[in-house]
Structures are given as structure tokens and as C-alpha cells.
Amino acid sequence: MLVRFPMSFYLPTVFLTFYDASLLKVRFLKLFVPVLAEYNAENDLDKTREFVAKVSGSLGMIVTLVTLVAMVASPVVAALFGTGWFID
């Protein structure tokens, strides 16, 4: 019991370090905003809309896949953290 308690605080901290929201936002904005500004500078509204549609579709697909993997893997994570109820 004493071993699992500190781990329950350690692992979420590790996950937050890997997927820090502010770091991802900064990386995305450094890549996306200049390219979007370049598309807008060309004054071609159709190309700009196509670019935004492709980016939002790709991000939507990535979020959907990560969510599905997390839903499928959630019993494994529950078994790792709750070994007492899983073994009984």
C-alpha cells in the first residue's frame, strides 16, 4: 500500500511533463500561424480555407485516435494501479 501511494502522484506528474499543454500550444502556434499568414498574404481565400480544413481534420483525427486508444487501454491502466481488486 505504501508503494502505490507515491506512484499515484508520480505518474500523473510524468505524463504532464511529457504532454505539457503550454509547450504543445507554443509549438503549434510557431508552426501554424506563419504558414496561415503566408496563405492569407497570397489573397487566395479558397487555398486558405483548404489549409485550415486540412489542419483541423488532421488534428481531429489525431484526437479521435488517441481517445480510442485511451478507452481501449483504460482496463490495463486500472489493472496496473488497482492490482488488489484485479487479482482477487
PDB file of N, CA and C in Angstrom:
ATOM      1  N   MET A   1       0.820  -1.197   0.000  1.00  0.00           N
ATOM      2  CA  MET A   1       0.000   0.000   0.000  1.00  0.00           C
ATOM      3  C   MET A   1       0.864   1.262   0.000  1.00  0.00           C
ATOM      4  N   LEU A   2       1.940   1.245   0.741  1.00  0.00           N
ATOM      5  CA  LEU A   2       2.783   2.428   0.816  1.00  0.00           C
ATOM      6  C   LEU A   2       3.521   2.689  -0.482  1.00  0.00           C
ATOM      7  N   VAL A   3       3.761   1.647  -1.255  1.00  0.00           N
ATOM      8  CA  VAL A   3       4.477   1.820  -2.510  1.00  0.00           C
ATOM      9  C   VAL A   3       3.567   2.435  -3.565  1.00  0.00           C
ATOM     10  N   ARG A   4       2.320   2.027  -3.581  1.00  0.00           N
ATOM     11  CA  ARG A   4       1.404   2.518  -4.616  1.00  0.00           C
ATOM     12  C   ARG A   4       1.005   3.974  -4.398  1.00  0.00           C
ATOM     13  N   PHE A   5       0.964   4.425  -3.159  1.00  0.00           N
ATOM     14  CA  PHE A   5       0.519   5.785  -2.884  1.00  0.00           C
ATOM     15  C   PHE A   5       1.425   6.839  -3.530  1.00  0.00           C
ATOM     16  N   PRO A   6       2.752   6.792  -3.342  1.00  0.00           N
ATOM     17  CA  PRO A   6       3.591   7.794  -4.019  1.00  0.00           C
ATOM     18  C   PRO A   6       3.556   7.661  -5.542  1.00  0.00           C
ATOM     19  N   MET A   7       3.406   6.444  -6.054  1.00  0.00           N
ATOM     20  CA  MET A   7       3.347   6.256  -7.505  1.00  0.00           C
ATOM     21  C   MET A   7       2.113   6.915  -8.098  1.00  0.00           C
ATOM     22  N   SER A   8       1.027   6.946  -7.332  1.00  0.00           N
ATOM     23  CA  SER A   8      -0.191   7.558  -7.861  1.00  0.00           C
ATOM     24  C   SER A   8      -0.018   9.060  -8.054  1.00  0.00           C
ATOM     25  N   PHE A   9       0.928   9.670  -7.360  1.00  0.00           N
ATOM     26  CA  PHE A   9       1.217  11.084  -7.574  1.00  0.00           C
ATOM     27  C   PHE A   9       2.351  11.292  -8.575  1.00  0.00           C
ATOM     28  N   TYR A  10       3.223  10.314  -8.683  1.00  0.00           N
ATOM     29  CA  TYR A  10       4.384  10.451  -9.561  1.00  0.00           C
ATOM     30  C   TYR A  10       3.995  10.323 -11.039  1.00  0.00           C
ATOM     31  N   LEU A  11       3.209   9.328 -11.390  1.00  0.00           N
ATOM     32  CA  LEU A  11       2.891   9.083 -12.800  1.00  0.00           C
ATOM     33  C   LEU A  11       2.111  10.219 -13.458  1.00  0.00           C
ATOM     34  N   PRO A  12       1.094  10.793 -12.828  1.00  0.00           N
ATOM     35  CA  PRO A  12       0.444  11.940 -13.479  1.00  0.00           C
ATOM     36  C   PRO A  12       1.389  13.107 -13.709  1.00  0.00           C
ATOM     37  N   THR A  13       2.321  13.301 -12.805  1.00  0.00           N
ATOM     38  CA  THR A  13       3.303  14.370 -12.987  1.00  0.00           C
ATOM     39  C   THR A  13       4.192  14.092 -14.190  1.00  0.00           C
ATOM     40  N   VAL A  14       4.567  12.845 -14.367  1.00  0.00           N
ATOM     41  CA  VAL A  14       5.384  12.469 -15.525  1.00  0.00           C
ATOM     42  C   VAL A  14       4.600  12.687 -16.811  1.00  0.00           C
ATOM     43  N   PHE A  15       3.333  12.284 -16.819  1.00  0.00           N
ATOM     44  CA  PHE A  15       2.518  12.474 -18.019  1.00  0.00           C
ATOM     45  C   PHE A  15       2.337  13.957 -18.336  1.00  0.00           C
ATOM     46  N   LEU A  16       2.152  14.777 -17.319  1.00  0.00           N
ATOM     47  CA  LEU A  16       2.011  16.210 -17.553  1.00  0.00           C
ATOM     48  C   LEU A  16       3.300  16.813 -18.086  1.00  0.00           C
ATOM     49  N   THR A  17       4.431  16.265 -17.668  1.00  0.00           N
ATOM     50  CA  THR A  17       5.705  16.752 -18.181  1.00  0.00           C
ATOM     51  C   THR A  17       5.836  16.448 -19.667  1.00  0.00           C
ATOM     52  N   PHE A  18       5.422  15.255 -20.072  1.00  0.00           N
ATOM     53  CA  PHE A  18       5.523  14.872 -21.477  1.00  0.00           C
ATOM     54  C   PHE A  18       4.543  15.642 -22.352  1.00  0.00           C
ATOM     55  N   TYR A  19       3.356  15.862 -21.854  1.00  0.00           N
ATOM     56  CA  TYR A  19       2.306  16.481 -22.658  1.00  0.00           C
ATOM     57  C   TYR A  19       1.880  17.821 -22.074  1.00  0.00           C
ATOM     58  N   ASP A  20       2.833  18.644 -21.769  1.00  0.00           N
ATOM     59  CA  ASP A  20       2.532  19.945 -21.206  1.00  0.00           C
ATOM     60  C   ASP A  20       1.752  20.766 -22.223  1.00  0.00           C
ATOM     61  N   ALA A  21       0.597  21.233 -21.819  1.00  0.00           N
ATOM     62  CA  ALA A  21      -0.291  21.923 -22.752  1.00  0.00           C
ATOM     63  C   ALA A  21       0.323  23.206 -23.286  1.00  0.00           C
ATOM     64  N   SER A  22       1.006  23.939 -22.448  1.00  0.00           N
ATOM     65  CA  SER A  22       1.575  25.197 -22.918  1.00  0.00           C
ATOM     66  C   SER A  22       2.683  24.954 -23.931  1.00  0.00           C
ATOM     67  N   LEU A  23       3.465  23.900 -23.738  1.00  0.00           N
ATOM     68  CA  LEU A  23       4.525  23.577 -24.680  1.00  0.00           C
ATOM     69  C   LEU A  23       3.944  23.182 -26.035  1.00  0.00           C
ATOM     70  N   LEU A  24       2.883  22.396 -26.016  1.00  0.00           N
ATOM     71  CA  LEU A  24       2.252  21.997 -27.280  1.00  0.00           C
ATOM     72  C   LEU A  24       1.622  23.197 -27.989  1.00  0.00           C
ATOM     73  N   LYS A  25       1.025  24.092 -27.220  1.00  0.00           N
ATOM     74  CA  LYS A  25       0.432  25.276 -27.837  1.00  0.00           C
ATOM     75  C   LYS A  25       1.490  26.142 -28.496  1.00  0.00           C
ATOM     76  N   VAL A  26       2.611  26.313 -27.818  1.00  0.00           N
ATOM     77  CA  VAL A  26       3.682  27.143 -28.373  1.00  0.00           C
ATOM     78  C   VAL A  26       4.233  26.522 -29.648  1.00  0.00           C
ATOM     79  N   ARG A  27       4.464  25.225 -29.627  1.00  0.00           N
ATOM     80  CA  ARG A  27       4.973  24.556 -30.830  1.00  0.00           C
ATOM     81  C   ARG A  27       3.987  24.653 -31.978  1.00  0.00           C
ATOM     82  N   PHE A  28       2.712  24.445 -31.687  1.00  0.00           N
ATOM     83  CA  PHE A  28       1.705  24.505 -32.734  1.00  0.00           C
ATOM     84  C   PHE A  28       1.604  25.914 -33.311  1.00  0.00           C
ATOM     85  N   LEU A  29       1.603  26.909 -32.447  1.00  0.00           N
ATOM     86  CA  LEU A  29       1.468  28.283 -32.927  1.00  0.00           C
ATOM     87  C   LEU A  29       2.689  28.734 -33.718  1.00  0.00           C
ATOM     88  N   LYS A  30       3.877  28.276 -33.326  1.00  0.00           N
ATOM     89  CA  LYS A  30       5.076  28.648 -34.070  1.00  0.00           C
ATOM     90  C   LYS A  30       5.074  28.043 -35.469  1.00  0.00           C
ATOM     91  N   LEU A  31       4.408  26.939 -35.655  1.00  0.00           N
ATOM     92  CA  LEU A  31       4.338  26.315 -36.972  1.00  0.00           C
ATOM     93  C   LEU A  31       3.126  26.777 -37.772  1.00  0.00           C
ATOM     94  N   PHE A  32       1.992  26.892 -37.105  1.00  0.00           N
ATOM     95  CA  PHE A  32       0.734  27.123 -37.806  1.00  0.00           C
ATOM     96  C   PHE A  32       0.535  28.578 -38.213  1.00  0.00           C
ATOM     97  N   VAL A  33       0.792  29.494 -37.316  1.00  0.00           N
ATOM     98  CA  VAL A  33       0.491  30.910 -37.571  1.00  0.00           C
ATOM     99  C   VAL A  33       1.292  31.473 -38.747  1.00  0.00           C
ATOM    100  N   PRO A  34       2.603  31.234 -38.855  1.00  0.00           N
ATOM    101  CA  PRO A  34       3.319  31.773 -40.016  1.00  0.00           C
ATOM    102  C   PRO A  34       2.840  31.192 -41.350  1.00  0.00           C
ATOM    103  N   VAL A  35       2.520  29.925 -41.360  1.00  0.00           N
ATOM    104  CA  VAL A  35       2.032  29.319 -42.602  1.00  0.00           C
ATOM    105  C   VAL A  35       0.658  29.876 -42.956  1.00  0.00           C
ATOM    106  N   LEU A  36      -0.198  30.038 -41.956  1.00  0.00           N
ATOM    107  CA  LEU A  36      -1.517  30.632 -42.210  1.00  0.00           C
ATOM    108  C   LEU A  36      -1.383  32.071 -42.684  1.00  0.00           C
ATOM    109  N   ALA A  37      -0.461  32.826 -42.122  1.00  0.00           N
ATOM    110  CA  ALA A  37      -0.236  34.199 -42.569  1.00  0.00           C
ATOM    111  C   ALA A  37       0.254  34.241 -44.008  1.00  0.00           C
ATOM    112  N   GLU A  38       1.066  33.250 -44.376  1.00  0.00           N
ATOM    113  CA  GLU A  38       1.535  33.181 -45.766  1.00  0.00           C
ATOM    114  C   GLU A  38       0.388  32.878 -46.724  1.00  0.00           C
ATOM    115  N   TYR A  39      -0.501  31.977 -46.316  1.00  0.00           N
ATOM    116  CA  TYR A  39      -1.670  31.696 -47.148  1.00  0.00           C
ATOM    117  C   TYR A  39      -2.560  32.929 -47.266  1.00  0.00           C
ATOM    118  N   ASN A  40      -2.733  33.665 -46.193  1.00  0.00           N
ATOM    119  CA  ASN A  40      -3.546  34.885 -46.234  1.00  0.00           C
ATOM    120  C   ASN A  40      -2.882  35.970 -47.079  1.00  0.00           C
ATOM    121  N   ALA A  41      -1.557  36.018 -47.091  1.00  0.00           N
ATOM    122  CA  ALA A  41      -0.847  37.037 -47.863  1.00  0.00           C
ATOM    123  C   ALA A  41      -1.020  36.830 -49.364  1.00  0.00           C
ATOM    124  N   GLU A  42      -1.258  35.585 -49.751  1.00  0.00           N
ATOM    125  CA  GLU A  42      -1.481  35.295 -51.172  1.00  0.00           C
ATOM    126  C   GLU A  42      -2.855  35.752 -51.650  1.00  0.00           C
ATOM    127  N   ASN A  43      -3.722  36.137 -50.721  1.00  0.00           N
ATOM    128  CA  ASN A  43      -5.075  36.624 -51.027  1.00  0.00           C
ATOM    129  C   ASN A  43      -5.917  35.601 -51.772  1.00  0.00           C
ATOM    130  N   ASP A  44      -5.667  34.329 -51.511  1.00  0.00           N
ATOM    131  CA  ASP A  44      -6.475  33.269 -52.115  1.00  0.00           C
ATOM    132  C   ASP A  44      -7.280  32.612 -50.988  1.00  0.00           C
ATOM    133  N   LEU A  45      -8.548  33.006 -50.898  1.00  0.00           N
ATOM    134  CA  LEU A  45      -9.401  32.553 -49.812  1.00  0.00           C
ATOM    135  C   LEU A  45      -9.656  31.048 -49.879  1.00  0.00           C
ATOM    136  N   ASP A  46      -9.762  30.499 -51.077  1.00  0.00           N
ATOM    137  CA  ASP A  46     -10.011  29.061 -51.212  1.00  0.00           C
ATOM    138  C   ASP A  46      -8.833  28.237 -50.705  1.00  0.00           C
ATOM    139  N   LYS A  47      -7.605  28.669 -51.017  1.00  0.00           N
ATOM    140  CA  LYS A  47      -6.428  27.947 -50.532  1.00  0.00           C
ATOM    141  C   LYS A  47      -6.322  28.037 -49.009  1.00  0.00           C
ATOM    142  N   THR A  48      -6.656  29.190 -48.466  1.00  0.00           N
ATOM    143  CA  THR A  48      -6.603  29.362 -47.013  1.00  0.00           C
ATOM    144  C   THR A  48      -7.626  28.470 -46.331  1.00  0.00           C
ATOM    145  N   ARG A  49      -8.831  28.422 -46.864  1.00  0.00           N
ATOM    146  CA  ARG A  49      -9.864  27.560 -46.287  1.00  0.00           C
ATOM    147  C   ARG A  49      -9.489  26.089 -46.411  1.00  0.00           C
ATOM    148  N   GLU A  50      -8.887  25.703 -47.523  1.00  0.00           N
ATOM    149  CA  GLU A  50      -8.464  24.318 -47.702  1.00  0.00           C
ATOM    150  C   GLU A  50      -7.372  23.953 -46.689  1.00  0.00           C
ATOM    151  N   PHE A  51      -6.438  24.877 -46.469  1.00  0.00           N
ATOM    152  CA  PHE A  51      -5.370  24.642 -45.497  1.00  0.00           C
ATOM    153  C   PHE A  51      -5.933  24.476 -44.085  1.00  0.00           C
ATOM    154  N   VAL A  52      -6.827  25.372 -43.692  1.00  0.00           N
ATOM    155  CA  VAL A  52      -7.426  25.291 -42.359  1.00  0.00           C
ATOM    156  C   VAL A  52      -8.243  24.007 -42.220  1.00  0.00           C
ATOM    157  N   ALA A  53      -8.940  23.609 -43.270  1.00  0.00           N
ATOM    158  CA  ALA A  53      -9.721  22.380 -43.227  1.00  0.00           C
ATOM    159  C   ALA A  53      -8.821  21.156 -43.077  1.00  0.00           C
ATOM    160  N   LYS A  54      -7.698  21.135 -43.771  1.00  0.00           N
ATOM    161  CA  LYS A  54      -6.780  20.002 -43.660  1.00  0.00           C
ATOM    162  C   LYS A  54      -6.166  19.919 -42.271  1.00  0.00           C
ATOM    163  N   VAL A  55      -5.768  21.070 -41.727  1.00  0.00           N
ATOM    164  CA  VAL A  55      -5.154  21.071 -40.389  1.00  0.00           C
ATOM    165  C   VAL A  55      -6.172  20.653 -39.334  1.00  0.00           C
ATOM    166  N   SER A  56      -7.368  21.204 -39.386  1.00  0.00           N
ATOM    167  CA  SER A  56      -8.374  20.854 -38.384  1.00  0.00           C
ATOM    168  C   SER A  56      -8.821  19.404 -38.527  1.00  0.00           C
ATOM    169  N   GLY A  57      -8.895  18.901 -39.747  1.00  0.00           N
ATOM    170  CA  GLY A  57      -9.232  17.497 -39.948  1.00  0.00           C
ATOM    171  C   GLY A  57      -8.157  16.570 -39.414  1.00  0.00           C
ATOM    172  N   SER A  58      -6.900  16.928 -39.636  1.00  0.00           N
ATOM    173  CA  SER A  58      -5.796  16.107 -39.126  1.00  0.00           C
ATOM    174  C   SER A  58      -5.779  16.107 -37.604  1.00  0.00           C
ATOM    175  N   LEU A  59      -5.934  17.280 -37.001  1.00  0.00           N
ATOM    176  CA  LEU A  59      -5.948  17.353 -35.543  1.00  0.00           C
ATOM    177  C   LEU A  59      -7.148  16.610 -34.962  1.00  0.00           C
ATOM    178  N   GLY A  60      -8.281  16.718 -35.609  1.00  0.00           N
ATOM    179  CA  GLY A  60      -9.465  15.989 -35.156  1.00  0.00           C
ATOM    180  C   GLY A  60      -9.268  14.486 -35.217  1.00  0.00           C
ATOM    181  N   MET A  61      -8.622  14.008 -36.271  1.00  0.00           N
ATOM    182  CA  MET A  61      -8.361  12.572 -36.406  1.00  0.00           C
ATOM    183  C   MET A  61      -7.371  12.103 -35.344  1.00  0.00           C
ATOM    184  N   ILE A  62      -6.343  12.908 -35.065  1.00  0.00           N
ATOM    185  CA  ILE A  62      -5.364  12.536 -34.044  1.00  0.00           C
ATOM    186  C   ILE A  62      -6.029  12.459 -32.669  1.00  0.00           C
ATOM    187  N   VAL A  63      -6.866  13.424 -32.345  1.00  0.00           N
ATOM    188  CA  VAL A  63      -7.557  13.419 -31.055  1.00  0.00           C
ATOM    189  C   VAL A  63      -8.493  12.219 -30.961  1.00  0.00           C
ATOM    190  N   THR A  64      -9.179  11.888 -32.043  1.00  0.00           N
ATOM    191  CA  THR A  64     -10.069  10.734 -32.047  1.00  0.00           C
ATOM    192  C   THR A  64      -9.300   9.441 -31.833  1.00  0.00           C
ATOM    193  N   LEU A  65      -8.170   9.272 -32.512  1.00  0.00           N
ATOM    194  CA  LEU A  65      -7.381   8.054 -32.359  1.00  0.00           C
ATOM    195  C   LEU A  65      -6.798   7.932 -30.954  1.00  0.00           C
ATOM    196  N   VAL A  66      -6.298   9.033 -30.408  1.00  0.00           N
ATOM    197  CA  VAL A  66      -5.760   8.989 -29.047  1.00  0.00           C
ATOM    198  C   VAL A  66      -6.859   8.644 -28.045  1.00  0.00           C
ATOM    199  N   THR A  67      -8.049   9.190 -28.251  1.00  0.00           N
ATOM    200  CA  THR A  67      -9.169   8.892 -27.362  1.00  0.00           C
ATOM    201  C   THR A  67      -9.560   7.425 -27.444  1.00  0.00           C
ATOM    202  N   LEU A  68      -9.619   6.869 -28.653  1.00  0.00           N
ATOM    203  CA  LEU A  68      -9.959   5.452 -28.803  1.00  0.00           C
ATOM    204  C   LEU A  68      -8.913   4.541 -28.170  1.00  0.00           C
ATOM    205  N   VAL A  69      -7.648   4.860 -28.359  1.00  0.00           N
ATOM    206  CA  VAL A  69      -6.588   4.060 -27.738  1.00  0.00           C
ATOM    207  C   VAL A  69      -6.678   4.149 -26.222  1.00  0.00           C
ATOM    208  N   ALA A  70      -6.944   5.337 -25.701  1.00  0.00           N
ATOM    209  CA  ALA A  70      -7.064   5.503 -24.250  1.00  0.00           C
ATOM    210  C   ALA A  70      -8.252   4.724 -23.702  1.00  0.00           C
ATOM    211  N   MET A  71      -9.351   4.685 -24.433  1.00  0.00           N
ATOM    212  CA  MET A  71     -10.520   3.939 -23.975  1.00  0.00           C
ATOM    213  C   MET A  71     -10.255   2.438 -23.977  1.00  0.00           C
ATOM    214  N   VAL A  72      -9.546   1.959 -24.984  1.00  0.00           N
ATOM    215  CA  VAL A  72      -9.239   0.531 -25.054  1.00  0.00           C
ATOM    216  C   VAL A  72      -8.214   0.151 -23.986  1.00  0.00           C
ATOM    217  N   ALA A  73      -7.252   1.025 -23.718  1.00  0.00           N
ATOM    218  CA  ALA A  73      -6.191   0.721 -22.763  1.00  0.00           C
ATOM    219  C   ALA A  73      -6.567   1.035 -21.317  1.00  0.00           C
ATOM    220  N   SER A  74      -7.700   1.626 -21.068  1.00  0.00           N
ATOM    221  CA  SER A  74      -8.055   2.000 -19.698  1.00  0.00           C
ATOM    222  C   SER A  74      -8.179   0.807 -18.753  1.00  0.00           C
ATOM    223  N   PRO A  75      -8.675  -0.359 -19.171  1.00  0.00           N
ATOM    224  CA  PRO A  75      -8.665  -1.503 -18.244  1.00  0.00           C
ATOM    225  C   PRO A  75      -7.253  -1.938 -17.843  1.00  0.00           C
ATOM    226  N   VAL A  76      -6.307  -1.807 -18.751  1.00  0.00           N
ATOM    227  CA  VAL A  76      -4.923  -2.162 -18.426  1.00  0.00           C
ATOM    228  C   VAL A  76      -4.368  -1.202 -17.385  1.00  0.00           C
ATOM    229  N   VAL A  77      -4.632   0.076 -17.549  1.00  0.00           N
ATOM    230  CA  VAL A  77      -4.160   1.068 -16.573  1.00  0.00           C
ATOM    231  C   VAL A  77      -4.838   0.845 -15.226  1.00  0.00           C
ATOM    232  N   ALA A  78      -6.111   0.531 -15.240  1.00  0.00           N
ATOM    233  CA  ALA A  78      -6.817   0.252 -13.982  1.00  0.00           C
ATOM    234  C   ALA A  78      -6.251  -0.994 -13.311  1.00  0.00           C
ATOM    235  N   ALA A  79      -5.884  -1.997 -14.090  1.00  0.00           N
ATOM    236  CA  ALA A  79      -5.295  -3.204 -13.513  1.00  0.00           C
ATOM    237  C   ALA A  79      -3.914  -2.932 -12.932  1.00  0.00           C
ATOM    238  N   LEU A  80      -3.156  -2.030 -13.550  1.00  0.00           N
ATOM    239  CA  LEU A  80      -1.836  -1.708 -13.021  1.00  0.00           C
ATOM    240  C   LEU A  80      -1.915  -0.967 -11.689  1.00  0.00           C
ATOM    241  N   PHE A  81      -2.844  -0.031 -11.576  1.00  0.00           N
ATOM    242  CA  PHE A  81      -2.953   0.760 -10.364  1.00  0.00           C
ATOM    243  C   PHE A  81      -3.786   0.072  -9.291  1.00  0.00           C
ATOM    244  N   GLY A  82      -4.715  -0.756  -9.683  1.00  0.00           N
ATOM    245  CA  GLY A  82      -5.586  -1.417  -8.717  1.00  0.00           C
ATOM    246  C   GLY A  82      -5.367  -2.914  -8.710  1.00  0.00           C
ATOM    247  N   THR A  83      -4.145  -3.348  -8.448  1.00  0.00           N
ATOM    248  CA  THR A  83      -3.833  -4.777  -8.522  1.00  0.00           C
ATOM    249  C   THR A  83      -4.611  -5.587  -7.483  1.00  0.00           C
ATOM    250  N   GLY A  84      -4.990  -4.975  -6.399  1.00  0.00           N
ATOM    251  CA  GLY A  84      -5.719  -5.707  -5.355  1.00  0.00           C
ATOM    252  C   GLY A  84      -7.057  -6.220  -5.836  1.00  0.00           C
ATOM    253  N   TRP A  85      -7.843  -5.400  -6.495  1.00  0.00           N
ATOM    254  CA  TRP A  85      -9.157  -5.859  -6.945  1.00  0.00           C
ATOM    255  C   TRP A  85      -9.045  -6.706  -8.206  1.00  0.00           C
ATOM    256  N   PHE A  86      -7.995  -6.532  -8.973  1.00  0.00           N
ATOM    257  CA  PHE A  86      -7.860  -7.263 -10.234  1.00  0.00           C
ATOM    258  C   PHE A  86      -7.466  -8.725  -9.986  1.00  0.00           C
ATOM    259  N   ILE A  87      -6.610  -8.968  -8.993  1.00  0.00           N
ATOM    260  CA  ILE A  87      -6.142 -10.320  -8.733  1.00  0.00           C
ATOM    261  C   ILE A  87      -7.205 -11.136  -8.008  1.00  0.00           C
ATOM    262  N   ASP A  88      -7.968 -10.522  -7.143  1.00  0.00           N
ATOM    263  CA  ASP A  88      -8.997 -11.256  -6.365  1.00  0.00           C
ATOM    264  C   ASP A  88     -10.028 -11.821  -7.229  1.00  0.00           C
TER     265      ASP A  88
END
